[in-house]
Amino acid sequence: MPGTAPWWRSAVIYQVYIRSFADGNGDGIGDIAGIRSRLPYLKSLGVDALWINPWYKSPQADHGYDVADYRAIDPLFGTVAEAEQLIEEAHRHGIRIIPDMVPNHTSDQHAWFQAALAAGPGSPERERYVFRPGRGTDGDLPPNDWVSSFGGPAWTRLPDGEWYLHLFAPQQPDLNWQHPEVRAEFESILRFWFARGVDGFRIDVAHGLIKHPELPDLPPRPAGADRRRPHLDHPHWDRDEVHDVYRAWRKVADEFPGDRCFVAEAWADTPERLAAYVRADGLHTAFNFDFLMSSWDPKDLRTVIDDSLAMLGAVGAPATWVLSNHDVMRHASRYGRRAAKRWVANERYEPEGPLDLELGIRRARAAALLMLALPGGAYIYQGEELGLPEVEDLPEAVLQDPVWERSGHTDRGRDGCRVPIPWSGRSTPYGFSPEDASAAPWLPQPADWAAYTVEAQTGDETSVLELYRAALLRRREHPALGDGTLTWLDAPTGVLAFRRDPGFVCVVNLSTEPYPLPDHTAVLLTSGPVENGHLAPDQAAWLAV
């Protein structure tokens, strides 16, 4: 890789869901002190940067994605001074810091929204948000038929008769991004954190922000279309005008040294629409949700890889690959279903059939080697390097995701992938909290997680953790890996094989039969044992050629 290439083109970025990573003060909730205490672990793992889910001051109605003050750290997590210490210490370890930015909406406790409530209909304060009169004789019907991503209508009526828009929870009112004060405020917020040393931002709901000025009803959705994926000319998702915002943000990032970067959480209808977010004058990278949603199928995976590289390469942007995050079922559990279907029609992955966790972990190990061998960057969701499965049997009484309530208790939400991760010991809290902790972890950990701890896996060459450590080390050392191109090799149906120059081949066996490894000079790494020169089903290998 050229030494002059920006770091983010090849970076492996570790996602820290701050509530569930490490608890430094013993209150059962992860915090900045916990992250600081685990920086040596993250350095030894071999990651380049941390993406940290929202740490701003918040009532926590959606676990931080309802921001009351973007320039303050929530007391649950620490202080701005502690955040500055974390940034400095992480940089000393060679690790960059990328906080979340939540621009589509604020908390209903944000000073702007409280001022809008107090000022009343027609006031300048309300112009920063999306307030409208209702329809119907008495205005008792919502302004349109938009629905919340968390279930139910996207509008809430106030006692004064007006309605306000919230594409997520009612506690998350949408901002009016046509308003110049909104744009200026967020550019100021970016500068505030860039000046404190952050290396970039992950942008939540990057395809939102801009709404059709007339707020029309939703157009008919094509049969079988994915509800999370916007379709063309949608009134509030992926509108062309959103790119004006990001062109301005790119200029802000370019004011600061050190290759500051943005990554977009953007759902788009076509690969070309997604590529528009990462043009040369826009954002730097975008999450590859097509890869995350792929089935365990060689044809599906190859199509996604080819389409991603083609459409991103056309605008000069690198691909970023991801298998799990804080919004979806952990991939060890997704892959542990025999069907392992592509996720297309549901807002969240809905598993079919019983879980075969041994199968899921075997496939997850192979998927990790596939992901880390592909051109571009990659994201690791905390705990995936431990092989953590989804916690699918959380008692209903402990569920906290607003999706659970908003769906009328029909959708359990995302808590199952957010359970605090295990570090050491034989029982909860598994080192997540100090020994003298005053509170249990905010979500209960399974009683059988002792084998998943960092302590238990360290030094065990067969563990998922040591596989990730080895893969990240070889990725960093091998000149073929990171940004660049690939060349597919001839392989039978059910097998993916590609070459990366100089001298590297990745083989993934998704068939039901052992596959003889192609000619090679050395086996660099495998996700499982190779017997008699054959790669077993659901296994992957890195080869020197």
Protein backbone atom coordinates (compact mmCIF):
# COMPACT_ATOMS: atom_id res chain seq x y z
CA MET A 1 0.00 0.00 0.00
CA PRO A 2 1.39 3.43 -0.83
CA GLY A 3 2.64 5.28 2.21
CA THR A 4 0.84 8.42 1.13
CA ALA A 5 -2.64 6.88 1.02
CA PRO A 6 -5.05 8.25 3.64
CA TRP A 7 -5.31 5.93 6.64
CA TRP A 8 -9.06 5.47 6.29
CA ARG A 9 -8.80 3.77 2.90
CA SER A 10 -7.49 0.59 4.57
CA ALA A 11 -8.44 1.03 8.23
CA VAL A 12 -9.89 -1.66 10.46
CA ILE A 13 -12.23 0.23 12.76
CA TYR A 14 -13.57 -1.26 15.99
CA GLN A 15 -17.08 -0.26 17.01
CA VAL A 16 -17.44 0.56 20.69
CA TYR A 17 -21.04 0.47 21.89
CA ILE A 18 -20.07 2.48 24.92
CA ARG A 19 -22.80 1.26 27.31
CA SER A 20 -21.68 -2.32 26.83
CA PHE A 21 -17.91 -2.20 26.34
CA ALA A 22 -16.34 -1.67 29.77
CA ASP A 23 -17.67 -0.15 33.01
CA GLY A 24 -15.04 1.89 34.83
CA ASN A 25 -17.03 3.20 37.79
CA GLY A 26 -19.14 0.17 38.73
CA ASP A 27 -22.60 1.52 37.93
CA GLY A 28 -23.29 -1.29 35.44
CA ILE A 29 -22.99 0.96 32.38
CA GLY A 30 -19.92 1.24 30.18
CA ASP A 31 -18.10 4.57 30.11
CA ILE A 32 -15.06 6.49 28.92
CA ALA A 33 -13.00 5.29 31.87
CA GLY A 34 -13.76 1.73 30.79
CA ILE A 35 -12.61 2.41 27.23
CA ARG A 36 -9.38 3.98 28.50
CA SER A 37 -8.69 0.91 30.64
CA ARG A 38 -8.99 -1.36 27.60
CA LEU A 39 -6.81 0.59 25.17
CA PRO A 40 -3.91 -1.90 25.61
CA TYR A 41 -6.29 -4.71 24.60
CA LEU A 42 -7.42 -2.81 21.51
CA LYS A 43 -3.82 -2.09 20.56
CA SER A 44 -2.93 -5.78 20.94
CA LEU A 45 -5.95 -6.72 18.83
CA GLY A 46 -4.51 -4.60 16.03
CA VAL A 47 -7.29 -2.14 15.15
CA ASP A 48 -6.63 1.26 13.64
CA ALA A 49 -9.49 3.31 15.08
CA LEU A 50 -12.52 3.25 17.38
CA TRP A 51 -15.99 4.27 16.32
CA ILE A 52 -17.76 5.20 19.57
CA ASN A 53 -21.56 5.25 19.69
CA PRO A 54 -23.06 8.51 21.03
CA TRP A 55 -21.50 9.74 24.25
CA TYR A 56 -23.20 13.15 24.30
CA LYS A 57 -25.50 14.46 27.01
CA SER A 58 -28.81 12.67 26.54
CA PRO A 59 -31.93 11.51 28.38
CA GLN A 60 -31.09 8.07 26.89
CA ALA A 61 -34.55 7.49 25.39
CA ASP A 62 -32.71 5.75 22.53
CA HIS A 63 -29.45 5.06 24.36
CA GLY A 64 -27.74 8.26 23.27
CA TYR A 65 -29.21 8.72 19.82
CA ASP A 66 -31.40 11.42 21.36
CA VAL A 67 -28.86 14.19 21.94
CA ALA A 68 -29.62 17.07 24.31
CA ASP A 69 -26.20 18.77 24.05
CA TYR A 70 -23.67 17.89 21.34
CA ARG A 71 -20.83 19.71 23.11
CA ALA A 72 -21.19 17.87 26.43
CA ILE A 73 -20.54 14.28 27.48
CA ASP A 74 -23.35 12.54 29.31
CA PRO A 75 -22.51 12.05 33.01
CA LEU A 76 -23.22 8.33 32.57
CA PHE A 77 -20.09 8.16 30.42
CA GLY A 78 -17.81 10.87 31.82
CA THR A 79 -16.83 14.43 30.96
CA VAL A 80 -15.41 16.35 28.03
CA ALA A 81 -12.07 16.39 29.89
CA GLU A 82 -12.16 12.58 30.07
CA ALA A 83 -13.00 12.40 26.37
CA GLU A 84 -9.97 14.58 25.63
CA GLN A 85 -7.82 12.25 27.76
CA LEU A 86 -9.15 9.24 25.87
CA ILE A 87 -8.35 10.84 22.52
CA GLU A 88 -4.82 11.68 23.66
CA GLU A 89 -4.17 8.22 25.13
CA ALA A 90 -5.63 6.43 22.12
CA HIS A 91 -3.40 8.44 19.81
CA ARG A 92 -0.38 7.39 21.89
CA HIS A 93 -1.42 3.78 21.22
CA GLY A 94 -1.71 4.52 17.50
CA ILE A 95 -5.52 4.34 17.60
CA ARG A 96 -7.77 7.03 16.13
CA ILE A 97 -11.15 8.09 17.57
CA ILE A 98 -14.34 8.49 15.53
CA PRO A 99 -17.42 9.48 17.56
CA ASP A 100 -20.97 9.17 16.30
CA MET A 101 -22.73 12.27 14.97
CA VAL A 102 -26.54 12.35 15.08
CA PRO A 103 -27.73 15.12 12.73
CA ASN A 104 -31.20 13.97 11.65
CA HIS A 105 -32.82 14.67 15.02
CA THR A 106 -32.13 15.92 18.54
CA SER A 107 -33.57 14.99 21.90
CA ASP A 108 -36.88 16.56 22.86
CA GLN A 109 -34.87 17.91 25.84
CA HIS A 110 -32.49 19.84 23.56
CA ALA A 111 -32.57 23.59 24.29
CA TRP A 112 -33.78 24.33 20.77
CA PHE A 113 -36.77 22.01 21.02
CA GLN A 114 -37.70 23.24 24.48
CA ALA A 115 -37.59 26.79 23.12
CA ALA A 116 -39.80 25.74 20.22
CA LEU A 117 -42.38 24.26 22.57
CA ALA A 118 -42.43 27.42 24.66
CA ALA A 119 -42.60 29.79 21.69
CA GLY A 120 -45.69 28.24 20.10
CA PRO A 121 -47.02 27.90 16.53
CA GLY A 122 -45.60 30.19 13.88
CA SER A 123 -42.53 31.15 15.92
CA PRO A 124 -38.98 31.31 14.53
CA GLU A 125 -37.95 28.73 17.13
CA ARG A 126 -40.23 26.13 15.56
CA GLU A 127 -38.68 26.65 12.13
CA ARG A 128 -35.60 24.72 13.24
CA TYR A 129 -37.74 21.57 13.43
CA VAL A 130 -40.59 20.19 11.31
CA PHE A 131 -43.86 21.44 12.81
CA ARG A 132 -47.10 21.38 10.86
CA PRO A 133 -50.84 21.74 11.46
CA GLY A 134 -52.82 18.53 11.23
CA ARG A 135 -55.26 17.40 8.61
CA GLY A 136 -58.95 16.85 9.07
CA THR A 137 -61.71 19.15 10.30
CA ASP A 138 -60.07 19.82 13.66
CA GLY A 139 -56.49 19.16 12.65
CA ASP A 140 -56.63 15.92 14.60
CA LEU A 141 -55.07 13.83 11.84
CA PRO A 142 -51.29 13.75 11.22
CA PRO A 143 -49.99 16.01 8.43
CA ASN A 144 -49.20 12.95 6.29
CA ASP A 145 -48.94 9.17 6.44
CA TRP A 146 -45.24 8.89 7.29
CA VAL A 147 -44.34 6.16 9.76
CA SER A 148 -41.64 5.94 12.41
CA SER A 149 -38.74 3.55 11.91
CA PHE A 150 -39.47 2.40 15.47
CA GLY A 151 -43.12 1.66 14.73
CA GLY A 152 -46.26 3.80 14.79
CA PRO A 153 -46.85 7.22 13.22
CA ALA A 154 -43.98 9.64 12.62
CA TRP A 155 -45.94 12.53 14.07
CA THR A 156 -46.87 13.59 17.61
CA ARG A 157 -49.49 16.25 18.40
CA LEU A 158 -48.87 18.93 21.00
CA PRO A 159 -51.51 20.48 23.28
CA ASP A 160 -51.45 23.64 21.13
CA GLY A 161 -52.67 21.58 18.17
CA GLU A 162 -49.52 21.43 16.03
CA TRP A 163 -47.76 18.22 15.14
CA TYR A 164 -44.01 17.62 15.02
CA LEU A 165 -42.12 15.08 12.93
CA HIS A 166 -40.03 12.26 14.40
CA LEU A 167 -38.86 9.54 12.02
CA PHE A 168 -37.75 7.59 15.09
CA ALA A 169 -39.05 7.88 18.68
CA PRO A 170 -41.27 10.82 19.78
CA GLN A 171 -38.36 11.89 21.99
CA GLN A 172 -36.30 12.42 18.81
CA PRO A 173 -37.79 15.36 16.86
CA ASP A 174 -36.43 15.79 13.34
CA LEU A 175 -34.48 18.93 12.54
CA ASN A 176 -35.29 21.13 9.56
CA TRP A 177 -32.13 20.94 7.48
CA GLN A 178 -33.40 23.61 5.10
CA HIS A 179 -32.83 26.11 7.93
CA PRO A 180 -29.48 27.95 7.80
CA GLU A 181 -29.14 27.99 11.60
CA VAL A 182 -29.28 24.20 11.69
CA ARG A 183 -26.52 23.89 9.10
CA ALA A 184 -24.33 26.47 10.80
CA GLU A 185 -24.80 24.86 14.21
CA PHE A 186 -23.65 21.44 13.09
CA GLU A 187 -20.63 22.83 11.28
CA SER A 188 -19.76 24.51 14.58
CA ILE A 189 -20.22 21.22 16.47
CA LEU A 190 -17.90 19.44 14.04
CA ARG A 191 -15.22 22.09 14.60
CA PHE A 192 -15.67 21.80 18.40
CA TRP A 193 -14.76 18.10 18.35
CA PHE A 194 -12.17 18.28 15.57
CA ALA A 195 -10.36 20.88 17.67
CA ARG A 196 -10.29 18.33 20.51
CA GLY A 197 -8.56 15.81 18.33
CA VAL A 198 -11.20 13.44 17.03
CA ASP A 199 -10.23 11.89 13.72
CA GLY A 200 -13.64 11.81 12.06
CA PHE A 201 -17.30 11.01 12.56
CA ARG A 202 -19.70 8.23 11.79
CA ILE A 203 -22.91 9.90 10.57
CA ASP A 204 -26.15 8.40 11.85
CA VAL A 205 -29.04 8.26 9.35
CA ALA A 206 -26.89 10.06 6.78
CA HIS A 207 -29.55 9.49 4.10
CA GLY A 208 -32.14 11.37 6.16
CA LEU A 209 -31.92 15.10 7.00
CA ILE A 210 -33.63 16.53 3.91
CA LYS A 211 -37.42 16.20 3.55
CA HIS A 212 -39.56 17.04 0.55
CA PRO A 213 -40.71 20.64 1.16
CA GLU A 214 -44.37 19.74 0.61
CA LEU A 215 -44.23 16.69 2.92
CA PRO A 216 -46.33 14.51 0.59
CA ASP A 217 -47.74 11.13 1.55
CA LEU A 218 -45.53 8.11 0.94
CA PRO A 219 -45.66 6.75 -2.61
CA PRO A 220 -46.61 3.11 -3.11
CA ARG A 221 -43.72 0.78 -2.33
CA PRO A 222 -42.81 -1.83 -4.93
CA ALA A 223 -43.82 -5.34 -3.96
CA GLY A 224 -41.16 -7.10 -1.91
CA ALA A 225 -39.07 -3.95 -1.37
CA ASP A 226 -36.96 -3.68 1.77
CA ARG A 227 -38.57 -1.34 4.31
CA ARG A 228 -35.18 -0.09 5.52
CA ARG A 229 -34.02 0.75 2.03
CA PRO A 230 -35.46 3.92 0.48
CA HIS A 231 -36.81 3.81 -3.02
CA LEU A 232 -36.34 6.45 -5.67
CA ASP A 233 -37.88 9.88 -5.06
CA HIS A 234 -38.73 9.06 -1.47
CA PRO A 235 -40.10 12.11 0.40
CA HIS A 236 -37.73 11.83 3.37
CA TRP A 237 -34.93 9.35 2.57
CA ASP A 238 -31.93 9.84 0.27
CA ARG A 239 -32.95 13.09 -1.36
CA ASP A 240 -30.45 14.72 -3.71
CA GLU A 241 -30.24 17.90 -1.65
CA VAL A 242 -28.61 16.03 1.26
CA HIS A 243 -25.30 16.06 -0.60
CA ASP A 244 -25.11 19.86 -0.26
CA VAL A 245 -24.85 19.32 3.50
CA TYR A 246 -21.99 16.87 3.17
CA ARG A 247 -20.06 18.98 0.69
CA ALA A 248 -20.04 21.69 3.37
CA TRP A 249 -19.00 19.16 6.02
CA ARG A 250 -16.13 17.96 3.84
CA LYS A 251 -14.82 21.52 3.72
CA VAL A 252 -14.95 21.67 7.52
CA ALA A 253 -12.98 18.41 7.84
CA ASP A 254 -10.42 19.69 5.35
CA GLU A 255 -9.74 22.68 7.60
CA PHE A 256 -7.99 20.32 10.03
CA PRO A 257 -4.78 18.32 9.55
CA GLY A 258 -4.42 14.58 9.70
CA ASP A 259 -6.85 13.14 7.14
CA ARG A 260 -10.04 13.63 9.18
CA CYS A 261 -12.80 11.47 7.74
CA PHE A 262 -16.52 10.73 7.69
CA VAL A 263 -18.30 7.41 7.32
CA ALA A 264 -21.96 7.44 6.32
CA GLU A 265 -24.71 5.21 7.62
CA ALA A 266 -26.62 5.63 4.38
CA TRP A 267 -29.32 3.38 3.00
CA ALA A 268 -29.77 3.92 -0.73
CA ASP A 269 -31.92 2.32 -3.41
CA THR A 270 -29.12 1.50 -5.84
CA PRO A 271 -25.32 1.19 -5.74
CA GLU A 272 -25.11 4.38 -7.80
CA ARG A 273 -27.19 6.27 -5.21
CA LEU A 274 -24.88 5.09 -2.44
CA ALA A 275 -21.79 6.08 -4.43
CA ALA A 276 -23.12 9.64 -4.55
CA TYR A 277 -22.35 9.98 -0.84
CA VAL A 278 -18.64 9.29 -1.32
CA ARG A 279 -17.78 11.39 -4.33
CA ALA A 280 -14.52 13.34 -4.17
CA ASP A 281 -16.15 16.43 -2.66
CA GLY A 282 -18.45 14.55 -0.28
CA LEU A 283 -18.04 12.01 2.50
CA HIS A 284 -15.06 9.68 2.59
CA THR A 285 -16.65 6.24 3.11
CA ALA A 286 -20.03 4.57 3.58
CA PHE A 287 -21.08 1.38 5.31
CA ASN A 288 -21.62 -1.59 3.02
CA PHE A 289 -24.99 -2.86 4.19
CA ASP A 290 -25.35 -5.13 1.16
CA PHE A 291 -22.41 -7.18 2.44
CA LEU A 292 -23.82 -7.32 5.96
CA MET A 293 -27.20 -8.48 4.63
CA SER A 294 -25.82 -11.11 2.28
CA SER A 295 -26.76 -14.74 2.67
CA TRP A 296 -24.12 -17.42 3.21
CA ASP A 297 -24.12 -18.08 -0.50
CA PRO A 298 -21.18 -17.75 -2.89
CA LYS A 299 -23.20 -16.23 -5.73
CA ASP A 300 -24.81 -13.64 -3.46
CA LEU A 301 -21.52 -12.71 -1.80
CA ARG A 302 -19.62 -12.44 -5.07
CA THR A 303 -22.33 -10.24 -6.60
CA VAL A 304 -22.25 -7.90 -3.62
CA ILE A 305 -18.45 -7.74 -3.65
CA ASP A 306 -18.31 -7.03 -7.39
CA ASP A 307 -21.06 -4.42 -7.31
CA SER A 308 -19.56 -2.69 -4.29
CA LEU A 309 -16.07 -2.47 -5.73
CA ALA A 310 -17.36 -1.31 -9.11
CA MET A 311 -19.66 1.44 -7.92
CA LEU A 312 -17.29 2.77 -5.23
CA GLY A 313 -14.28 2.51 -7.50
CA ALA A 314 -16.08 4.58 -10.10
CA VAL A 315 -15.98 7.58 -7.74
CA GLY A 316 -12.54 6.79 -6.29
CA ALA A 317 -13.82 5.66 -2.89
CA PRO A 318 -12.73 2.56 -0.98
CA ALA A 319 -15.16 -0.15 0.08
CA THR A 320 -15.85 -0.70 3.77
CA TRP A 321 -16.96 -4.18 4.83
CA VAL A 322 -18.99 -5.00 7.94
CA LEU A 323 -20.61 -8.16 9.35
CA SER A 324 -22.38 -6.90 12.51
CA ASN A 325 -23.25 -3.74 14.40
CA HIS A 326 -25.43 -2.50 17.27
CA ASP A 327 -28.61 -2.57 15.16
CA VAL A 328 -28.64 -6.14 13.83
CA MET A 329 -28.46 -9.72 15.08
CA ARG A 330 -24.86 -10.81 15.62
CA HIS A 331 -23.63 -12.68 12.58
CA ALA A 332 -22.58 -15.82 14.48
CA SER A 333 -26.30 -16.30 15.15
CA ARG A 334 -27.44 -15.21 11.69
CA TYR A 335 -25.08 -17.69 10.05
CA GLY A 336 -26.09 -20.39 12.55
CA ARG A 337 -29.34 -21.01 10.73
CA ARG A 338 -29.09 -23.63 8.00
CA ALA A 339 -30.82 -21.39 5.50
CA ALA A 340 -28.81 -18.25 6.40
CA LYS A 341 -31.02 -16.30 4.03
CA ARG A 342 -30.27 -12.90 2.61
CA TRP A 343 -31.91 -10.17 4.67
CA VAL A 344 -34.07 -8.13 2.30
CA ALA A 345 -37.65 -7.63 3.38
CA ASN A 346 -37.51 -6.93 7.10
CA GLU A 347 -36.39 -3.95 9.10
CA ARG A 348 -34.26 -6.25 11.22
CA TYR A 349 -33.09 -9.75 10.50
CA GLU A 350 -35.70 -12.29 11.56
CA PRO A 351 -34.12 -15.74 11.98
CA GLU A 352 -35.72 -18.82 10.53
CA GLY A 353 -35.24 -22.24 12.08
CA PRO A 354 -33.28 -23.43 15.12
CA LEU A 355 -29.83 -22.06 15.93
CA ASP A 356 -26.81 -24.27 15.30
CA LEU A 357 -24.22 -22.13 17.07
CA GLU A 358 -21.31 -24.39 16.17
CA LEU A 359 -22.19 -23.90 12.51
CA GLY A 360 -22.65 -20.16 13.05
CA ILE A 361 -19.25 -19.69 14.65
CA ARG A 362 -17.56 -21.80 11.98
CA ARG A 363 -19.09 -19.62 9.27
CA ALA A 364 -18.36 -16.45 11.23
CA ARG A 365 -14.67 -17.36 11.42
CA ALA A 366 -14.59 -17.89 7.66
CA ALA A 367 -16.51 -14.67 7.04
CA ALA A 368 -13.96 -12.74 9.09
CA LEU A 369 -11.11 -13.94 6.87
CA LEU A 370 -13.14 -13.11 3.78
CA MET A 371 -13.96 -9.61 5.03
CA LEU A 372 -10.41 -8.80 6.12
CA ALA A 373 -8.97 -9.97 2.79
CA LEU A 374 -11.22 -7.78 0.63
CA PRO A 375 -9.96 -4.45 -0.76
CA GLY A 376 -10.66 -1.40 1.39
CA GLY A 377 -11.46 -1.04 5.08
CA ALA A 378 -13.43 -3.10 7.58
CA TYR A 379 -15.48 -2.65 10.76
CA ILE A 380 -15.46 -4.99 13.75
CA TYR A 381 -18.36 -4.79 16.19
CA GLN A 382 -17.23 -5.24 19.78
CA GLY A 383 -17.47 -8.87 20.82
CA GLU A 384 -17.47 -10.35 17.34
CA GLU A 385 -13.75 -11.03 17.83
CA LEU A 386 -14.87 -13.21 20.76
CA GLY A 387 -17.40 -15.11 18.68
CA LEU A 388 -20.29 -13.77 20.74
CA PRO A 389 -23.74 -14.97 19.68
CA GLU A 390 -26.95 -12.95 19.88
CA VAL A 391 -28.65 -13.18 23.27
CA GLU A 392 -32.06 -14.26 22.02
CA ASP A 393 -33.68 -15.13 25.36
CA LEU A 394 -33.49 -11.87 27.29
CA PRO A 395 -36.51 -11.69 29.62
CA GLU A 396 -39.14 -9.27 28.39
CA ALA A 397 -38.90 -7.38 31.68
CA VAL A 398 -35.31 -6.24 30.92
CA LEU A 399 -35.80 -5.13 27.30
CA GLN A 400 -34.95 -1.43 26.90
CA ASP A 401 -34.87 -0.77 23.16
CA PRO A 402 -37.67 1.70 22.29
CA VAL A 403 -38.57 -0.59 19.39
CA TRP A 404 -40.06 -3.01 21.94
CA GLU A 405 -42.60 -0.49 23.21
CA ARG A 406 -43.23 1.26 19.91
CA SER A 407 -44.02 -2.05 18.21
CA GLY A 408 -46.61 -2.98 20.82
CA HIS A 409 -44.30 -5.72 22.14
CA THR A 410 -44.15 -7.49 18.78
CA ASP A 411 -40.52 -6.64 17.92
CA ARG A 412 -37.95 -7.42 20.63
CA GLY A 413 -35.63 -4.82 19.19
CA ARG A 414 -31.85 -4.69 19.31
CA ASP A 415 -30.95 -5.43 22.93
CA GLY A 416 -29.79 -8.96 22.09
CA CYS A 417 -26.68 -7.70 20.29
CA ARG A 418 -25.98 -5.05 22.95
CA VAL A 419 -25.42 -7.22 26.02
CA PRO A 420 -22.20 -6.14 27.84
CA ILE A 421 -19.20 -8.07 26.61
CA PRO A 422 -17.22 -10.50 28.81
CA TRP A 423 -13.60 -9.86 29.75
CA SER A 424 -12.65 -12.30 32.51
CA GLY A 425 -13.86 -14.58 35.27
CA ARG A 426 -16.36 -17.40 35.53
CA SER A 427 -19.58 -15.49 36.23
CA THR A 428 -21.29 -12.16 35.58
CA PRO A 429 -20.18 -9.41 35.23
CA TYR A 430 -17.23 -11.24 33.63
CA GLY A 431 -14.89 -8.34 34.26
CA PHE A 432 -17.18 -5.85 32.53
CA SER A 433 -17.48 -3.95 35.84
CA PRO A 434 -14.99 -3.67 38.73
CA GLU A 435 -15.11 -6.34 41.43
CA ASP A 436 -16.66 -3.89 43.89
CA ALA A 437 -19.33 -2.71 41.41
CA SER A 438 -22.45 -1.24 42.97
CA ALA A 439 -24.76 -2.39 40.17
CA ALA A 440 -25.25 -5.33 37.84
CA PRO A 441 -24.67 -4.85 34.07
CA TRP A 442 -27.47 -2.85 32.49
CA LEU A 443 -28.49 -5.92 30.47
CA PRO A 444 -28.00 -9.39 31.97
CA GLN A 445 -25.20 -11.55 30.62
CA PRO A 446 -25.78 -15.26 29.94
CA ALA A 447 -24.63 -17.71 32.58
CA ASP A 448 -22.61 -19.69 30.02
CA TRP A 449 -20.37 -16.90 28.74
CA ALA A 450 -17.22 -17.80 30.71
CA ALA A 451 -15.70 -19.52 27.66
CA TYR A 452 -16.17 -16.36 25.58
CA THR A 453 -14.10 -14.03 27.79
CA VAL A 454 -10.93 -12.35 26.57
CA GLU A 455 -9.13 -14.07 29.45
CA ALA A 456 -10.31 -17.54 28.45
CA GLN A 457 -9.48 -17.09 24.76
CA THR A 458 -6.10 -15.36 25.05
CA GLY A 459 -3.34 -17.80 24.15
CA ASP A 460 -5.74 -20.42 22.78
CA GLU A 461 -4.75 -20.72 19.13
CA THR A 462 -8.12 -22.28 18.28
CA SER A 463 -10.13 -19.36 19.69
CA VAL A 464 -11.96 -16.73 17.68
CA LEU A 465 -9.99 -13.99 19.45
CA GLU A 466 -6.62 -15.40 18.42
CA LEU A 467 -7.90 -15.83 14.86
CA TYR A 468 -8.77 -12.12 14.73
CA ARG A 469 -5.44 -11.14 16.25
CA ALA A 470 -3.56 -13.24 13.72
CA ALA A 471 -5.63 -11.95 10.81
CA LEU A 472 -5.18 -8.32 11.78
CA LEU A 473 -1.45 -8.79 12.24
CA ARG A 474 -1.05 -10.43 8.84
CA ARG A 475 -3.31 -7.84 7.23
CA ARG A 476 -1.10 -5.08 8.60
CA GLU A 477 2.10 -6.79 7.47
CA HIS A 478 1.15 -8.16 4.05
CA PRO A 479 1.64 -5.66 1.18
CA ALA A 480 -1.33 -7.10 -0.76
CA LEU A 481 -3.94 -6.36 1.88
CA GLY A 482 -5.91 -3.20 2.59
CA ASP A 483 -6.84 -0.83 -0.21
CA GLY A 484 -6.45 -2.03 -3.78
CA THR A 485 -8.01 -4.48 -6.22
CA LEU A 486 -8.71 -8.20 -6.50
CA THR A 487 -8.78 -10.78 -9.28
CA TRP A 488 -11.19 -13.69 -9.11
CA LEU A 489 -9.74 -17.15 -9.67
CA ASP A 490 -11.45 -20.08 -11.34
CA ALA A 491 -13.20 -22.20 -8.72
CA PRO A 492 -16.09 -24.66 -8.66
CA THR A 493 -19.60 -23.67 -7.67
CA GLY A 494 -19.69 -23.06 -3.95
CA VAL A 495 -16.15 -21.74 -3.62
CA LEU A 496 -14.90 -18.15 -3.68
CA ALA A 497 -11.24 -17.68 -4.55
CA PHE A 498 -9.43 -14.45 -5.40
CA ARG A 499 -5.92 -13.16 -5.73
CA ARG A 500 -4.47 -9.93 -4.43
CA ASP A 501 -1.07 -8.81 -5.57
CA PRO A 502 1.61 -9.26 -4.62
CA GLY A 503 1.40 -12.93 -3.78
CA PHE A 504 -1.82 -13.44 -1.80
CA VAL A 505 -4.85 -15.70 -2.34
CA CYS A 506 -8.01 -16.02 -0.25
CA VAL A 507 -10.20 -19.13 -0.58
CA VAL A 508 -13.61 -19.56 1.09
CA ASN A 509 -15.40 -22.91 0.83
CA LEU A 510 -19.16 -22.38 1.02
CA SER A 511 -19.91 -25.77 -0.52
CA THR A 512 -20.77 -29.02 1.24
CA GLU A 513 -17.60 -30.86 0.17
CA PRO A 514 -13.90 -30.44 1.03
CA TYR A 515 -12.02 -28.34 -1.53
CA PRO A 516 -8.36 -28.89 -2.51
CA LEU A 517 -6.34 -25.75 -1.92
CA PRO A 518 -4.87 -24.18 -5.06
CA ASP A 519 -1.11 -24.15 -5.58
CA HIS A 520 0.64 -22.08 -2.94
CA THR A 521 4.01 -21.58 -1.27
CA ALA A 522 2.67 -21.29 2.29
CA VAL A 523 -0.55 -21.33 4.27
CA LEU A 524 -0.70 -17.98 6.05
CA LEU A 525 -3.87 -18.48 8.08
CA THR A 526 -6.98 -20.65 8.10
CA SER A 527 -10.29 -20.37 9.92
CA GLY A 528 -10.11 -24.08 10.79
CA PRO A 529 -7.96 -27.15 10.24
CA VAL A 530 -6.83 -28.15 6.76
CA GLU A 531 -6.65 -31.93 6.27
CA ASN A 532 -4.74 -33.59 3.42
CA GLY A 533 -4.52 -30.24 1.64
CA HIS A 534 -8.30 -29.83 1.56
CA LEU A 535 -10.34 -26.96 2.98
CA ALA A 536 -13.42 -28.21 4.83
CA PRO A 537 -16.91 -26.75 4.21
CA ASP A 538 -17.56 -23.35 5.81
CA GLN A 539 -13.84 -22.65 6.15
CA ALA A 540 -11.50 -20.03 4.70
CA ALA A 541 -7.75 -19.87 4.05
CA TRP A 542 -5.15 -17.20 3.32
CA LEU A 543 -2.34 -18.44 1.09
CA ALA A 544 1.01 -17.12 -0.08
CA VAL A 545 1.57 -17.71 -3.79
